[in-house]
C-alpha atoms as a PDB file:
ATOM      1  CA  UNK A   1      -0.030   0.190  -0.262  1.00  0.00           C
ATOM      2  CA  UNK A   2       1.621   3.361  -1.081  1.00  0.00           C
ATOM      3  CA  UNK A   3       1.855   5.997   1.808  1.00  0.00           C
ATOM      4  CA  UNK A   4       3.201   9.428   2.183  1.00  0.00           C
ATOM      5  CA  UNK A   5       5.070  11.415   4.982  1.00  0.00           C
ATOM      6  CA  UNK A   6       2.424  13.656   7.441  1.00  0.00           C
ATOM      7  CA  UNK A   7       4.030  16.579   9.561  1.00  0.00           C
ATOM      8  CA  UNK A   8       1.428  18.444  11.141  1.00  0.00           C
ATOM      9  CA  UNK A   9       2.810  21.494  12.985  1.00  0.00           C
ATOM     10  CA  UNK A  10       1.687  23.957  15.565  1.00  0.00           C
ATOM     11  CA  UNK A  11       3.638  27.080  16.423  1.00  0.00           C
ATOM     12  CA  UNK A  12       4.046  25.325  20.019  1.00  0.00           C
ATOM     13  CA  UNK A  13       5.377  21.990  18.876  1.00  0.00           C
ATOM     14  CA  UNK A  14       5.293  19.227  16.286  1.00  0.00           C
ATOM     15  CA  UNK A  15       1.805  17.388  16.693  1.00  0.00           C
ATOM     16  CA  UNK A  16       2.313  14.370  14.053  1.00  0.00           C
ATOM     17  CA  UNK A  17       5.230  12.816  11.717  1.00  0.00           C
ATOM     18  CA  UNK A  18       4.846   9.445  10.087  1.00  0.00           C
ATOM     19  CA  UNK A  19       3.543   7.942   7.579  1.00  0.00           C
ATOM     20  CA  UNK A  20       0.086   8.102   6.523  1.00  0.00           C
ATOM     21  CA  UNK A  21      -2.411   6.709   3.104  1.00  0.00           C
ATOM     22  CA  UNK A  22      -4.420   9.460   3.170  1.00  0.00           C
ATOM     23  CA  UNK A  23      -5.656  13.070   4.387  1.00  0.00           C
ATOM     24  CA  UNK A  24      -8.805  14.945   4.256  1.00  0.00           C
ATOM     25  CA  UNK A  25      -8.916  18.151   5.332  1.00  0.00           C
ATOM     26  CA  UNK A  26     -11.074  21.640   4.238  1.00  0.00           C
ATOM     27  CA  UNK A  27      -9.636  25.025   2.918  1.00  0.00           C
ATOM     28  CA  UNK A  28     -10.902  28.359   3.099  1.00  0.00           C
ATOM     29  CA  UNK A  29     -13.488  28.563   0.191  1.00  0.00           C
ATOM     30  CA  UNK A  30     -12.408  25.559  -1.289  1.00  0.00           C
ATOM     31  CA  UNK A  31     -14.048  22.888   0.774  1.00  0.00           C
ATOM     32  CA  UNK A  32     -13.125  19.204   1.957  1.00  0.00           C
ATOM     33  CA  UNK A  33      -9.593  17.919  -0.307  1.00  0.00           C
ATOM     34  CA  UNK A  34      -8.366  14.997   0.077  1.00  0.00           C
ATOM     35  CA  UNK A  35      -4.785  13.415  -0.642  1.00  0.00           C
ATOM     36  CA  UNK A  36      -3.356  10.828  -1.215  1.00  0.00           C
ATOM     37  CA  UNK A  37       0.287   9.533  -1.964  1.00  0.00           C
ATOM     38  CA  UNK A  38       1.584  11.139  -5.188  1.00  0.00           C
ATOM     39  CA  UNK A  39      -0.749  14.248  -5.067  1.00  0.00           C
ATOM     40  CA  UNK A  40       0.323  16.955  -7.238  1.00  0.00           C
ATOM     41  CA  UNK A  41       1.691  19.674  -5.732  1.00  0.00           C
ATOM     42  CA  UNK A  42      -0.657  22.134  -3.677  1.00  0.00           C
ATOM     43  CA  UNK A  43      -0.722  24.654  -1.241  1.00  0.00           C
ATOM     44  CA  UNK A  44      -3.925  26.300   0.467  1.00  0.00           C
ATOM     45  CA  UNK A  45      -5.089  28.080   3.537  1.00  0.00           C
ATOM     46  CA  UNK A  46      -6.821  25.934   5.664  1.00  0.00           C
ATOM     47  CA  UNK A  47     -10.407  26.993   8.241  1.00  0.00           C
ATOM     48  CA  UNK A  48     -11.500  25.337  11.052  1.00  0.00           C
ATOM     49  CA  UNK A  49     -12.110  22.039  10.505  1.00  0.00           C
ATOM     50  CA  UNK A  50     -12.220  18.222  11.381  1.00  0.00           C
ATOM     51  CA  UNK A  51      -8.713  16.918   9.784  1.00  0.00           C
ATOM     52  CA  UNK A  52      -8.233  13.347   9.059  1.00  0.00           C
ATOM     53  CA  UNK A  53      -5.421  11.453   8.724  1.00  0.00           C
ATOM     54  CA  UNK A  54      -5.843   7.839   7.777  1.00  0.00           C
ATOM     55  CA  UNK A  55      -2.370   5.977   9.034  1.00  0.00           C
ATOM     56  CA  UNK A  56      -0.987   3.059   6.970  1.00  0.00           C
ATOM     57  CA  UNK A  57      -2.406   0.268   9.934  1.00  0.00           C
ATOM     58  CA  UNK A  58      -6.096   1.439   9.161  1.00  0.00           C
ATOM     59  CA  UNK A  59      -6.211   3.871  12.271  1.00  0.00           C
ATOM     60  CA  UNK A  60      -7.346   7.372  11.596  1.00  0.00           C
ATOM     61  CA  UNK A  61      -5.909  10.169  13.759  1.00  0.00           C
ATOM     62  CA  UNK A  62      -8.368  12.937  14.368  1.00  0.00           C
ATOM     63  CA  UNK A  63      -7.117  16.654  14.546  1.00  0.00           C
ATOM     64  CA  UNK A  64      -8.948  19.394  15.278  1.00  0.00           C
ATOM     65  CA  UNK A  65      -7.618  22.525  13.301  1.00  0.00           C
ATOM     66  CA  UNK A  66      -7.558  26.248  13.501  1.00  0.00           C
ATOM     67  CA  UNK A  67      -6.525  27.943  10.381  1.00  0.00           C
ATOM     68  CA  UNK A  68      -3.566  27.781   8.571  1.00  0.00           C
ATOM     69  CA  UNK A  69      -1.952  25.824   5.469  1.00  0.00           C
ATOM     70  CA  UNK A  70      -1.619  22.525   4.024  1.00  0.00           C
ATOM     71  CA  UNK A  71       1.568  22.252   1.488  1.00  0.00           C
ATOM     72  CA  UNK A  72       1.735  19.203  -0.704  1.00  0.00           C
ATOM     73  CA  UNK A  73       5.543  19.000  -1.758  1.00  0.00           C
ATOM     74  CA  UNK A  74       6.637  15.939  -3.324  1.00  0.00           C
ATOM     75  CA  UNK A  75       5.394  12.767  -1.062  1.00  0.00           C
ATOM     76  CA  UNK A  76       4.799  15.028   1.807  1.00  0.00           C
ATOM     77  CA  UNK A  77       1.562  16.621   2.974  1.00  0.00           C
ATOM     78  CA  UNK A  78       2.716  19.517   5.725  1.00  0.00           C
ATOM     79  CA  UNK A  79      -0.284  21.033   7.926  1.00  0.00           C
ATOM     80  CA  UNK A  80       0.991  24.157   9.336  1.00  0.00           C
ATOM     81  CA  UNK A  81      -1.761  25.521  11.633  1.00  0.00           C
ATOM     82  CA  UNK A  82      -2.422  28.503  13.714  1.00  0.00           C
ATOM     83  CA  UNK A  83      -3.600  25.895  16.260  1.00  0.00           C
ATOM     84  CA  UNK A  84      -4.206  22.117  16.136  1.00  0.00           C
ATOM     85  CA  UNK A  85      -5.574  19.871  19.110  1.00  0.00           C
ATOM     86  CA  UNK A  86      -5.509  15.724  18.440  1.00  0.00           C
ATOM     87  CA  UNK A  87      -8.888  14.425  19.340  1.00  0.00           C
ATOM     88  CA  UNK A  88      -8.207  12.245  21.832  1.00  0.00           C
ATOM     89  CA  UNK A  89      -6.948  15.333  24.044  1.00  0.00           C
ATOM     90  CA  UNK A  90     -10.029  17.676  23.343  1.00  0.00           C
ATOM     91  CA  UNK A  91     -12.160  18.222  26.518  1.00  0.00           C
ATOM     92  CA  UNK A  92     -15.373  17.600  24.791  1.00  0.00           C
ATOM     93  CA  UNK A  93     -17.578  19.235  28.312  1.00  0.00           C
ATOM     94  CA  UNK A  94     -15.462  22.187  27.370  1.00  0.00           C
ATOM     95  CA  UNK A  95     -16.058  22.262  23.527  1.00  0.00           C
ATOM     96  CA  UNK A  96     -19.845  21.587  24.156  1.00  0.00           C
ATOM     97  CA  UNK A  97     -20.246  24.169  26.244  1.00  0.00           C
ATOM     98  CA  UNK A  98     -18.268  26.687  23.982  1.00  0.00           C
ATOM     99  CA  UNK A  99     -20.482  25.490  21.157  1.00  0.00           C
ATOM    100  CA  UNK A 100     -23.450  25.844  23.043  1.00  0.00           C
ATOM    101  CA  UNK A 101     -22.189  29.934  24.453  1.00  0.00           C
ATOM    102  CA  UNK A 102     -21.829  30.375  20.942  1.00  0.00           C
ATOM    103  CA  UNK A 103     -24.855  29.487  19.470  1.00  0.00           C
ATOM    104  CA  UNK A 104     -26.491  31.170  22.643  1.00  0.00           C
ATOM    105  CA  UNK A 105     -25.069  34.353  21.411  1.00  0.00           C
ATOM    106  CA  UNK A 106     -25.767  34.430  18.332  1.00  0.00           C
ATOM    107  CA  UNK A 107     -29.654  33.926  18.646  1.00  0.00           C
ATOM    108  CA  UNK A 108     -29.731  37.173  19.728  1.00  0.00           C
ATOM    109  CA  UNK A 109     -26.907  38.825  17.788  1.00  0.00           C
ATOM    110  CA  UNK A 110     -24.819  38.323  14.599  1.00  0.00           C
ATOM    111  CA  UNK A 111     -20.557  38.146  16.005  1.00  0.00           C
ATOM    112  CA  UNK A 112     -17.665  37.155  14.020  1.00  0.00           C
ATOM    113  CA  UNK A 113     -15.811  35.955  16.938  1.00  0.00           C
ATOM    114  CA  UNK A 114     -19.067  34.139  17.764  1.00  0.00           C
ATOM    115  CA  UNK A 115     -19.458  32.534  14.622  1.00  0.00           C
ATOM    116  CA  UNK A 116     -16.091  31.419  14.884  1.00  0.00           C
ATOM    117  CA  UNK A 117     -16.236  30.425  18.096  1.00  0.00           C
ATOM    118  CA  UNK A 118     -18.743  27.840  16.791  1.00  0.00           C
ATOM    119  CA  UNK A 119     -16.638  26.839  14.156  1.00  0.00           C
ATOM    120  CA  UNK A 120     -13.633  26.454  16.669  1.00  0.00           C
ATOM    121  CA  UNK A 121     -15.955  24.244  18.535  1.00  0.00           C
ATOM    122  CA  UNK A 122     -17.321  22.341  15.841  1.00  0.00           C
ATOM    123  CA  UNK A 123     -14.372  21.461  14.569  1.00  0.00           C
ATOM    124  CA  UNK A 124     -13.228  20.061  17.884  1.00  0.00           C
ATOM    125  CA  UNK A 125     -16.500  18.407  18.329  1.00  0.00           C
ATOM    126  CA  UNK A 126     -15.848  16.449  14.922  1.00  0.00           C
ATOM    127  CA  UNK A 127     -12.613  15.731  15.739  1.00  0.00           C
ATOM    128  CA  UNK A 128     -13.296  14.199  19.167  1.00  0.00           C
ATOM    129  CA  UNK A 129     -15.787  11.820  17.984  1.00  0.00           C
ATOM    130  CA  UNK A 130     -18.625  14.322  16.680  1.00  0.00           C
ATOM    131  CA  UNK A 131     -21.664  15.844  18.400  1.00  0.00           C
ATOM    132  CA  UNK A 132     -23.722  13.610  20.158  1.00  0.00           C
ATOM    133  CA  UNK A 133     -26.712  16.210  21.276  1.00  0.00           C
ATOM    134  CA  UNK A 134     -27.918  19.217  20.125  1.00  0.00           C
ATOM    135  CA  UNK A 135     -29.487  22.697  22.083  1.00  0.00           C
ATOM    136  CA  UNK A 136     -31.193  23.384  18.455  1.00  0.00           C
ATOM    137  CA  UNK A 137     -34.737  24.711  19.450  1.00  0.00           C
ATOM    138  CA  UNK A 138     -33.736  25.021  22.965  1.00  0.00           C
ATOM    139  CA  UNK A 139     -34.859  28.435  24.976  1.00  0.00           C
END
């Protein structure tokens, strides 16, 4: 099975480096994109998203990515993120509270920071196992 090297780096540290068979992430204004071994060179800006790295052993590394860039060069995919969190390390309770707070604020008024907070919360929840309940319709 063909693999490629994947590097996931934030300003604080290298979160992951290893071999993978596929990377799925979301670019700003472009939607989801998948990278396989041998992908053409690419450079794109990332939005808040749930990024999935499919490992050679069949497992998937789930990551909440909060902006940054993705670059494909040779047989390497580099994700250079403003902030990234491994799904297994995310505090789901905190992410759910952030989601609910942002939704409550947005019910009253539109605010760019609240929209961004909601996007970050959704990325965190998706990377840590998905949303198990919603507060839509709750008052």
